[in-house]
PDB file of N, CA and C in Angstrom:
ATOM      1  N   SER A   1     -34.732   0.881  -1.562  1.00  0.00           N
ATOM      2  CA  SER A   1     -35.989   0.725  -2.937  1.00  0.00           C
ATOM      3  C   SER A   1     -34.623  -0.400  -3.340  1.00  0.00           C
ATOM      4  N   GLU A   2     -33.443  -0.790  -3.833  1.00  0.00           N
ATOM      5  CA  GLU A   2     -33.298  -1.976  -4.180  1.00  0.00           C
ATOM      6  C   GLU A   2     -32.599  -3.009  -3.310  1.00  0.00           C
ATOM      7  N   GLY A   3     -32.776  -4.148  -3.561  1.00  0.00           N
ATOM      8  CA  GLY A   3     -32.259  -4.722  -2.462  1.00  0.00           C
ATOM      9  C   GLY A   3     -30.295  -5.027  -1.795  1.00  0.00           C
ATOM     10  N   CYS A   4     -30.144  -5.410  -1.070  1.00  0.00           N
ATOM     11  CA  CYS A   4     -28.572  -5.606  -0.674  1.00  0.00           C
ATOM     12  C   CYS A   4     -28.280  -6.679  -0.769  1.00  0.00           C
ATOM     13  N   HIS A   5     -26.874  -6.796  -1.321  1.00  0.00           N
ATOM     14  CA  HIS A   5     -26.699  -8.028  -0.950  1.00  0.00           C
ATOM     15  C   HIS A   5     -25.403  -8.324  -0.173  1.00  0.00           C
ATOM     16  N   ILE A   6     -25.371  -9.257   0.795  1.00  0.00           N
ATOM     17  CA  ILE A   6     -23.871  -9.235   1.758  1.00  0.00           C
ATOM     18  C   ILE A   6     -23.748 -10.446   2.044  1.00  0.00           C
ATOM     19  N   ARG A   7     -21.814 -10.891   1.867  1.00  0.00           N
ATOM     20  CA  ARG A   7     -21.597 -12.014   1.462  1.00  0.00           C
ATOM     21  C   ARG A   7     -20.794 -11.911   2.864  1.00  0.00           C
ATOM     22  N   ILE A   8     -20.682 -12.259   3.926  1.00  0.00           N
ATOM     23  CA  ILE A   8     -19.583 -12.911   5.265  1.00  0.00           C
ATOM     24  C   ILE A   8     -19.013 -14.395   4.709  1.00  0.00           C
ATOM     25  N   ARG A   9     -17.394 -14.178   4.693  1.00  0.00           N
ATOM     26  CA  ARG A   9     -16.662 -15.512   4.726  1.00  0.00           C
ATOM     27  C   ARG A   9     -15.370 -15.078   6.066  1.00  0.00           C
ATOM     28  N   ALA A  10     -15.537 -16.162   5.960  1.00  0.00           N
ATOM     29  CA  ALA A  10     -14.019 -16.598   7.232  1.00  0.00           C
ATOM     30  C   ALA A  10     -13.203 -17.573   6.691  1.00  0.00           C
ATOM     31  N   GLU A  11     -11.645 -17.244   6.901  1.00  0.00           N
ATOM     32  CA  GLU A  11     -10.659 -18.559   6.864  1.00  0.00           C
ATOM     33  C   GLU A  11      -9.590 -18.133   7.678  1.00  0.00           C
ATOM     34  N   ARG A  12      -9.065 -19.894   7.564  1.00  0.00           N
ATOM     35  CA  ARG A  12      -8.356 -19.812   8.473  1.00  0.00           C
ATOM     36  C   ARG A  12      -7.301 -20.038   7.700  1.00  0.00           C
ATOM     37  N   SER A  13      -6.108 -18.834   8.193  1.00  0.00           N
ATOM     38  CA  SER A  13      -4.437 -19.728   7.120  1.00  0.00           C
ATOM     39  C   SER A  13      -3.289 -19.977   8.297  1.00  0.00           C
ATOM     40  N   GLN A  14      -3.106 -20.862   8.915  1.00  0.00           N
ATOM     41  CA  GLN A  14      -2.264 -21.211   9.600  1.00  0.00           C
ATOM     42  C   GLN A  14      -2.665 -20.448  10.963  1.00  0.00           C
ATOM     43  N   ALA A  15      -2.052 -19.198  11.344  1.00  0.00           N
ATOM     44  CA  ALA A  15      -2.194 -19.246  13.244  1.00  0.00           C
ATOM     45  C   ALA A  15      -3.022 -17.585  12.860  1.00  0.00           C
ATOM     46  N   GLN A  16      -3.804 -17.337  11.294  1.00  0.00           N
ATOM     47  CA  GLN A  16      -4.500 -16.076  11.043  1.00  0.00           C
ATOM     48  C   GLN A  16      -6.386 -16.579  10.851  1.00  0.00           C
ATOM     49  N   LEU A  17      -6.614 -15.581  11.264  1.00  0.00           N
ATOM     50  CA  LEU A  17      -7.590 -16.051  10.867  1.00  0.00           C
ATOM     51  C   LEU A  17      -8.702 -14.889   9.910  1.00  0.00           C
ATOM     52  N   ALA A  18      -8.847 -14.667   9.161  1.00  0.00           N
ATOM     53  CA  ALA A  18      -9.066 -13.934   8.132  1.00  0.00           C
ATOM     54  C   ALA A  18     -10.741 -13.852   8.124  1.00  0.00           C
ATOM     55  N   ILE A  19     -11.479 -12.337   8.109  1.00  0.00           N
ATOM     56  CA  ILE A  19     -12.568 -12.319   7.742  1.00  0.00           C
ATOM     57  C   ILE A  19     -12.668 -11.035   6.844  1.00  0.00           C
ATOM     58  N   THR A  20     -14.118 -11.098   5.952  1.00  0.00           N
ATOM     59  CA  THR A  20     -14.065 -10.671   5.083  1.00  0.00           C
ATOM     60  C   THR A  20     -15.543 -10.407   5.330  1.00  0.00           C
ATOM     61  N   VAL A  21     -16.297  -9.100   4.946  1.00  0.00           N
ATOM     62  CA  VAL A  21     -18.115  -8.747   5.054  1.00  0.00           C
ATOM     63  C   VAL A  21     -18.014  -7.684   3.902  1.00  0.00           C
ATOM     64  N   GLU A  22     -18.675  -7.696   2.884  1.00  0.00           N
ATOM     65  CA  GLU A  22     -19.182  -6.930   1.415  1.00  0.00           C
ATOM     66  C   GLU A  22     -20.470  -6.797   1.268  1.00  0.00           C
ATOM     67  N   ASN A  23     -21.055  -6.265   0.804  1.00  0.00           N
ATOM     68  CA  ASN A  23     -22.470  -5.354   1.003  1.00  0.00           C
ATOM     69  C   ASN A  23     -21.818  -4.758  -0.689  1.00  0.00           C
ATOM     70  N   THR A  24     -23.483  -4.602  -1.468  1.00  0.00           N
ATOM     71  CA  THR A  24     -23.209  -3.710  -2.483  1.00  0.00           C
ATOM     72  C   THR A  24     -24.397  -2.619  -1.969  1.00  0.00           C
ATOM     73  N   GLY A  25     -24.572  -1.428  -2.363  1.00  0.00           N
ATOM     74  CA  GLY A  25     -24.799  -0.078  -2.161  1.00  0.00           C
ATOM     75  C   GLY A  25     -24.699   0.872  -1.293  1.00  0.00           C
ATOM     76  N   SER A  26     -23.116  -0.053  -0.843  1.00  0.00           N
ATOM     77  CA  SER A  26     -22.442   1.840  -0.434  1.00  0.00           C
ATOM     78  C   SER A  26     -20.874   1.671  -1.110  1.00  0.00           C
ATOM     79  N   VAL A  27     -20.605   2.479  -0.888  1.00  0.00           N
ATOM     80  CA  VAL A  27     -19.366   3.065  -0.677  1.00  0.00           C
ATOM     81  C   VAL A  27     -18.333   3.062  -0.292  1.00  0.00           C
ATOM     82  N   PHE A  28     -17.043   2.711  -0.018  1.00  0.00           N
ATOM     83  CA  PHE A  28     -15.849   3.381   1.520  1.00  0.00           C
ATOM     84  C   PHE A  28     -15.641   4.427   0.777  1.00  0.00           C
ATOM     85  N   GLU A  29     -15.112   5.393   1.821  1.00  0.00           N
ATOM     86  CA  GLU A  29     -14.011   6.606   1.233  1.00  0.00           C
ATOM     87  C   GLU A  29     -12.614   5.987   1.104  1.00  0.00           C
ATOM     88  N   GLU A  30     -12.113   6.691   0.618  1.00  0.00           N
ATOM     89  CA  GLU A  30     -10.350   6.345   0.969  1.00  0.00           C
ATOM     90  C   GLU A  30     -10.087   6.377   1.989  1.00  0.00           C
ATOM     91  N   ASP A  31      -8.723   5.395   2.340  1.00  0.00           N
ATOM     92  CA  ASP A  31      -8.088   5.782   4.267  1.00  0.00           C
ATOM     93  C   ASP A  31      -9.082   5.574   5.030  1.00  0.00           C
ATOM     94  N   LEU A  32     -10.324   5.587   4.864  1.00  0.00           N
ATOM     95  CA  LEU A  32     -11.692   5.558   6.077  1.00  0.00           C
ATOM     96  C   LEU A  32     -10.957   5.734   7.119  1.00  0.00           C
ATOM     97  N   LEU A  33     -10.288   4.358   7.262  1.00  0.00           N
ATOM     98  CA  LEU A  33     -10.240   4.358   9.350  1.00  0.00           C
ATOM     99  C   LEU A  33      -9.352   5.124   9.307  1.00  0.00           C
ATOM    100  N   LYS A  34      -8.147   5.379   8.281  1.00  0.00           N
ATOM    101  CA  LYS A  34      -6.918   6.399   9.037  1.00  0.00           C
ATOM    102  C   LYS A  34      -7.658   7.788   9.085  1.00  0.00           C
ATOM    103  N   LYS A  35      -8.642   8.233   8.272  1.00  0.00           N
ATOM    104  CA  LYS A  35      -9.212   9.424   7.820  1.00  0.00           C
ATOM    105  C   LYS A  35     -10.157   9.402   9.612  1.00  0.00           C
ATOM    106  N   LEU A  36     -10.685   8.619   9.958  1.00  0.00           N
ATOM    107  CA  LEU A  36     -11.652   8.740  10.748  1.00  0.00           C
ATOM    108  C   LEU A  36     -10.771   9.077  12.356  1.00  0.00           C
ATOM    109  N   LEU A  37      -9.521   7.943  12.380  1.00  0.00           N
ATOM    110  CA  LEU A  37      -8.731   7.985  13.546  1.00  0.00           C
ATOM    111  C   LEU A  37      -7.940   9.546  14.151  1.00  0.00           C
ATOM    112  N   ALA A  38      -7.825  10.297  12.705  1.00  0.00           N
ATOM    113  CA  ALA A  38      -6.664  11.847  12.581  1.00  0.00           C
ATOM    114  C   ALA A  38      -8.093  12.757  12.975  1.00  0.00           C
ATOM    115  N   LYS A  39      -9.729  12.156  12.971  1.00  0.00           N
ATOM    116  CA  LYS A  39     -10.515  13.168  12.970  1.00  0.00           C
ATOM    117  C   LYS A  39     -10.632  14.352  11.865  1.00  0.00           C
ATOM    118  N   GLU A  40     -10.273  13.771  10.409  1.00  0.00           N
ATOM    119  CA  GLU A  40     -10.321  14.752   9.701  1.00  0.00           C
ATOM    120  C   GLU A  40     -11.802  14.242   8.875  1.00  0.00           C
ATOM    121  N   ILE A  41     -12.186  13.263   9.407  1.00  0.00           N
ATOM    122  CA  ILE A  41     -13.853  13.584   9.481  1.00  0.00           C
ATOM    123  C   ILE A  41     -14.451  12.746  10.394  1.00  0.00           C
ATOM    124  N   THR A  42     -16.165  13.593  10.261  1.00  0.00           N
ATOM    125  CA  THR A  42     -16.957  13.412  11.446  1.00  0.00           C
ATOM    126  C   THR A  42     -17.822  12.023  11.180  1.00  0.00           C
ATOM    127  N   PRO A  43     -17.079  11.049  12.589  1.00  0.00           N
ATOM    128  CA  PRO A  43     -18.113   9.663  12.155  1.00  0.00           C
ATOM    129  C   PRO A  43     -19.967   9.977  12.445  1.00  0.00           C
ATOM    130  N   ARG A  44     -20.262   9.717  11.537  1.00  0.00           N
ATOM    131  CA  ARG A  44     -21.928   9.485  11.218  1.00  0.00           C
ATOM    132  C   ARG A  44     -22.342   8.084  11.202  1.00  0.00           C
ATOM    133  N   GLY A  45     -23.582   7.407  12.010  1.00  0.00           N
ATOM    134  CA  GLY A  45     -23.735   6.520  11.469  1.00  0.00           C
ATOM    135  C   GLY A  45     -22.593   5.349  11.816  1.00  0.00           C
ATOM    136  N   PHE A  46     -22.115   4.293   9.639  1.00  0.00           N
ATOM    137  CA  PHE A  46     -21.093   3.526  10.434  1.00  0.00           C
ATOM    138  C   PHE A  46     -20.043   3.997  11.041  1.00  0.00           C
ATOM    139  N   GLY A  47     -19.586   5.104  10.820  1.00  0.00           N
ATOM    140  CA  GLY A  47     -18.438   5.703  11.406  1.00  0.00           C
ATOM    141  C   GLY A  47     -17.562   5.232  12.413  1.00  0.00           C
ATOM    142  N   ILE A  48     -19.146   5.767  13.353  1.00  0.00           N
ATOM    143  CA  ILE A  48     -18.777   5.218  14.980  1.00  0.00           C
ATOM    144  C   ILE A  48     -18.536   3.847  14.946  1.00  0.00           C
ATOM    145  N   GLY A  49     -19.297   2.751  14.577  1.00  0.00           N
ATOM    146  CA  GLY A  49     -19.460   1.780  14.823  1.00  0.00           C
ATOM    147  C   GLY A  49     -18.021   1.353  14.599  1.00  0.00           C
ATOM    148  N   ILE A  50     -17.265   1.622  13.127  1.00  0.00           N
ATOM    149  CA  ILE A  50     -16.011   1.545  12.600  1.00  0.00           C
ATOM    150  C   ILE A  50     -15.084   1.321  13.809  1.00  0.00           C
ATOM    151  N   LEU A  51     -15.293   2.696  14.033  1.00  0.00           N
ATOM    152  CA  LEU A  51     -14.321   3.201  15.364  1.00  0.00           C
ATOM    153  C   LEU A  51     -13.987   2.446  16.438  1.00  0.00           C
ATOM    154  N   ASN A  52     -15.568   1.648  16.515  1.00  0.00           N
ATOM    155  CA  ASN A  52     -16.068   0.989  18.295  1.00  0.00           C
ATOM    156  C   ASN A  52     -15.113  -0.816  17.663  1.00  0.00           C
ATOM    157  N   VAL A  53     -15.489  -0.896  16.415  1.00  0.00           N
ATOM    158  CA  VAL A  53     -14.994  -2.423  16.213  1.00  0.00           C
ATOM    159  C   VAL A  53     -13.255  -2.463  16.971  1.00  0.00           C
ATOM    160  N   ASN A  54     -12.843  -1.479  15.535  1.00  0.00           N
ATOM    161  CA  ASN A  54     -11.321  -0.666  15.774  1.00  0.00           C
ATOM    162  C   ASN A  54     -10.341  -1.258  16.862  1.00  0.00           C
ATOM    163  N   SER A  55     -10.989  -0.250  17.839  1.00  0.00           N
ATOM    164  CA  SER A  55     -10.868  -0.198  19.282  1.00  0.00           C
ATOM    165  C   SER A  55     -10.895  -1.281  20.315  1.00  0.00           C
ATOM    166  N   ARG A  56     -11.690  -2.059  19.923  1.00  0.00           N
ATOM    167  CA  ARG A  56     -11.985  -3.608  20.516  1.00  0.00           C
ATOM    168  C   ARG A  56     -10.712  -4.492  20.079  1.00  0.00           C
ATOM    169  N   LEU A  57     -10.552  -4.129  18.664  1.00  0.00           N
ATOM    170  CA  LEU A  57      -9.400  -5.030  17.830  1.00  0.00           C
ATOM    171  C   LEU A  57      -8.012  -4.616  18.806  1.00  0.00           C
ATOM    172  N   GLU A  58      -8.079  -3.541  18.502  1.00  0.00           N
ATOM    173  CA  GLU A  58      -6.910  -3.240  19.316  1.00  0.00           C
ATOM    174  C   GLU A  58      -6.070  -3.636  20.655  1.00  0.00           C
ATOM    175  N   ILE A  59      -7.380  -3.985  21.442  1.00  0.00           N
ATOM    176  CA  ILE A  59      -7.684  -4.112  22.875  1.00  0.00           C
ATOM    177  C   ILE A  59      -6.958  -5.435  23.079  1.00  0.00           C
ATOM    178  N   ALA A  60      -7.512  -6.441  22.199  1.00  0.00           N
ATOM    179  CA  ALA A  60      -7.828  -7.863  22.040  1.00  0.00           C
ATOM    180  C   ALA A  60      -6.560  -8.130  21.735  1.00  0.00           C
ATOM    181  N   PHE A  61      -5.995  -7.125  20.358  1.00  0.00           N
ATOM    182  CA  PHE A  61      -4.496  -8.297  19.908  1.00  0.00           C
ATOM    183  C   PHE A  61      -3.597  -7.030  19.730  1.00  0.00           C
ATOM    184  N   GLY A  62      -3.690  -5.669  20.057  1.00  0.00           N
ATOM    185  CA  GLY A  62      -3.068  -4.792  20.173  1.00  0.00           C
ATOM    186  C   GLY A  62      -2.394  -4.750  18.425  1.00  0.00           C
ATOM    187  N   SER A  63      -1.027  -4.640  17.981  1.00  0.00           N
ATOM    188  CA  SER A  63      -0.579  -4.554  16.769  1.00  0.00           C
ATOM    189  C   SER A  63      -0.524  -5.855  15.638  1.00  0.00           C
ATOM    190  N   ARG A  64      -1.560  -7.031  16.611  1.00  0.00           N
ATOM    191  CA  ARG A  64      -1.327  -8.066  15.518  1.00  0.00           C
ATOM    192  C   ARG A  64      -3.069  -8.485  14.918  1.00  0.00           C
ATOM    193  N   TYR A  65      -3.556  -7.484  14.627  1.00  0.00           N
ATOM    194  CA  TYR A  65      -4.740  -7.145  13.909  1.00  0.00           C
ATOM    195  C   TYR A  65      -4.433  -6.367  13.003  1.00  0.00           C
ATOM    196  N   SER A  66      -5.254  -6.231  12.034  1.00  0.00           N
ATOM    197  CA  SER A  66      -5.760  -5.534  10.581  1.00  0.00           C
ATOM    198  C   SER A  66      -7.194  -5.498  10.709  1.00  0.00           C
ATOM    199  N   MET A  67      -7.125  -4.085   9.563  1.00  0.00           N
ATOM    200  CA  MET A  67      -8.852  -4.012   9.207  1.00  0.00           C
ATOM    201  C   MET A  67      -8.303  -2.852   7.676  1.00  0.00           C
ATOM    202  N   GLU A  68      -9.109  -3.155   7.142  1.00  0.00           N
ATOM    203  CA  GLU A  68      -8.888  -2.494   5.604  1.00  0.00           C
ATOM    204  C   GLU A  68     -10.189  -2.512   4.943  1.00  0.00           C
ATOM    205  N   PHE A  69     -10.771  -1.615   4.295  1.00  0.00           N
ATOM    206  CA  PHE A  69     -11.933  -0.850   3.582  1.00  0.00           C
ATOM    207  C   PHE A  69     -11.362  -1.035   2.284  1.00  0.00           C
ATOM    208  N   THR A  70     -12.475  -1.585   1.719  1.00  0.00           N
ATOM    209  CA  THR A  70     -11.884  -1.464  -0.158  1.00  0.00           C
ATOM    210  C   THR A  70     -13.322  -1.756  -0.514  1.00  0.00           C
ATOM    211  N   ASN A  71     -13.167  -1.303  -2.048  1.00  0.00           N
ATOM    212  CA  ASN A  71     -14.336  -1.115  -2.725  1.00  0.00           C
ATOM    213  C   ASN A  71     -14.091  -2.275  -4.212  1.00  0.00           C
ATOM    214  N   GLN A  72     -14.822  -3.322  -4.449  1.00  0.00           N
ATOM    215  CA  GLN A  72     -14.298  -4.007  -5.537  1.00  0.00           C
ATOM    216  C   GLN A  72     -15.000  -4.374  -6.267  1.00  0.00           C
ATOM    217  N   ASN A  73     -15.408  -4.581  -7.399  1.00  0.00           N
ATOM    218  CA  ASN A  73     -16.731  -5.175  -8.088  1.00  0.00           C
ATOM    219  C   ASN A  73     -18.476  -4.934  -7.857  1.00  0.00           C
ATOM    220  N   GLY A  74     -18.348  -3.604  -7.476  1.00  0.00           N
ATOM    221  CA  GLY A  74     -19.717  -3.244  -7.324  1.00  0.00           C
ATOM    222  C   GLY A  74     -20.043  -3.785  -5.148  1.00  0.00           C
ATOM    223  N   TYR A  75     -18.915  -4.516  -4.609  1.00  0.00           N
ATOM    224  CA  TYR A  75     -19.275  -4.124  -3.357  1.00  0.00           C
ATOM    225  C   TYR A  75     -18.119  -3.401  -2.315  1.00  0.00           C
ATOM    226  N   ALA A  76     -18.759  -3.405  -1.158  1.00  0.00           N
ATOM    227  CA  ALA A  76     -17.903  -2.032  -0.424  1.00  0.00           C
ATOM    228  C   ALA A  76     -17.588  -3.401   0.590  1.00  0.00           C
ATOM    229  N   ALA A  77     -16.064  -3.455   0.728  1.00  0.00           N
ATOM    230  CA  ALA A  77     -15.596  -4.633   1.738  1.00  0.00           C
ATOM    231  C   ALA A  77     -14.762  -4.081   3.187  1.00  0.00           C
ATOM    232  N   ILE A  78     -14.943  -4.939   4.494  1.00  0.00           N
ATOM    233  CA  ILE A  78     -14.015  -4.899   5.028  1.00  0.00           C
ATOM    234  C   ILE A  78     -13.317  -6.377   4.932  1.00  0.00           C
ATOM    235  N   HIS A  79     -12.143  -5.768   5.372  1.00  0.00           N
ATOM    236  CA  HIS A  79     -10.912  -7.153   6.291  1.00  0.00           C
ATOM    237  C   HIS A  79     -10.860  -6.940   6.697  1.00  0.00           C
ATOM    238  N   ILE A  80     -10.884  -8.182   7.953  1.00  0.00           N
ATOM    239  CA  ILE A  80      -9.856  -8.022   9.029  1.00  0.00           C
ATOM    240  C   ILE A  80      -9.105  -9.691   9.448  1.00  0.00           C
ATOM    241  N   THR A  81      -8.387  -9.217   9.754  1.00  0.00           N
ATOM    242  CA  THR A  81      -6.853 -10.515  10.033  1.00  0.00           C
ATOM    243  C   THR A  81      -6.565 -10.450  11.757  1.00  0.00           C
ATOM    244  N   VAL A  82      -6.787 -11.270  11.852  1.00  0.00           N
ATOM    245  CA  VAL A  82      -6.508 -11.072  13.423  1.00  0.00           C
ATOM    246  C   VAL A  82      -6.053 -12.405  13.728  1.00  0.00           C
ATOM    247  N   PRO A  83      -5.515 -13.556  14.607  1.00  0.00           N
ATOM    248  CA  PRO A  83      -4.922 -14.168  14.903  1.00  0.00           C
ATOM    249  C   PRO A  83      -5.696 -14.955  15.749  1.00  0.00           C
ATOM    250  N   PHE A  84      -5.092 -15.948  15.109  1.00  0.00           N
ATOM    251  CA  PHE A  84      -6.142 -17.724  14.998  1.00  0.00           C
ATOM    252  C   PHE A  84      -5.457 -18.299  16.552  1.00  0.00           C
ATOM    253  N   GLN A  85      -5.603 -18.685  17.440  1.00  0.00           N
ATOM    254  CA  GLN A  85      -5.620 -19.656  18.677  1.00  0.00           C
ATOM    255  C   GLN A  85      -6.815 -20.712  19.029  1.00  0.00           C
ATOM    256  N   GLU A  86      -6.568 -21.669  18.462  1.00  0.00           N
ATOM    257  CA  GLU A  86      -7.416 -22.840  18.992  1.00  0.00           C
ATOM    258  C   GLU A  86      -8.150 -23.021  20.546  1.00  0.00           C
ATOM    259  N   VAL A  87      -9.120 -23.054  21.109  1.00  0.00           N
ATOM    260  CA  VAL A  87      -9.463 -23.134  22.721  1.00  0.00           C
ATOM    261  C   VAL A  87     -10.163 -24.223  22.855  1.00  0.00           C
ATOM    262  N   GLY A  88     -10.349 -24.707  23.769  1.00  0.00           N
ATOM    263  CA  GLY A  88     -11.005 -26.064  24.282  1.00  0.00           C
ATOM    264  C   GLY A  88     -12.172 -26.274  23.779  1.00  0.00           C
ATOM    265  N   ARG A  89     -12.178 -27.558  23.338  1.00  0.00           N
ATOM    266  CA  ARG A  89     -13.831 -27.729  22.562  1.00  0.00           C
ATOM    267  C   ARG A  89     -14.525 -28.211  23.158  1.00  0.00           C
ATOM    268  N   GLU A  90     -15.935 -28.157  22.874  1.00  0.00           N
ATOM    269  CA  GLU A  90     -17.010 -28.490  23.554  1.00  0.00           C
ATOM    270  C   GLU A  90     -17.147 -30.020  23.380  1.00  0.00           C
ATOM    271  N   ARG A  91     -17.562 -30.634  24.587  1.00  0.00           N
ATOM    272  CA  ARG A  91     -17.869 -31.992  24.488  1.00  0.00           C
ATOM    273  C   ARG A  91     -19.405 -32.673  23.846  1.00  0.00           C
TER     274      ARG A  91
END
């Protein structure tokens, strides 16, 4: 019905890469990831994707990543932080 605004931002700070994806038109439940992992709520639609992304980040980075869900200024936002390591550059 109404348009959805999506913002994607990535910032590197020292050895960390912070990625934020925000959109209007939805709201994250408080402690969403914790509730999904504890099976307090059943994943439907986006919940399955959230669990898959969390699993892949955990496999890739162990405890060195974070994933947080917030609602602020009319946007639902996911904030992901992972270690940054530069690898070879293409010529």
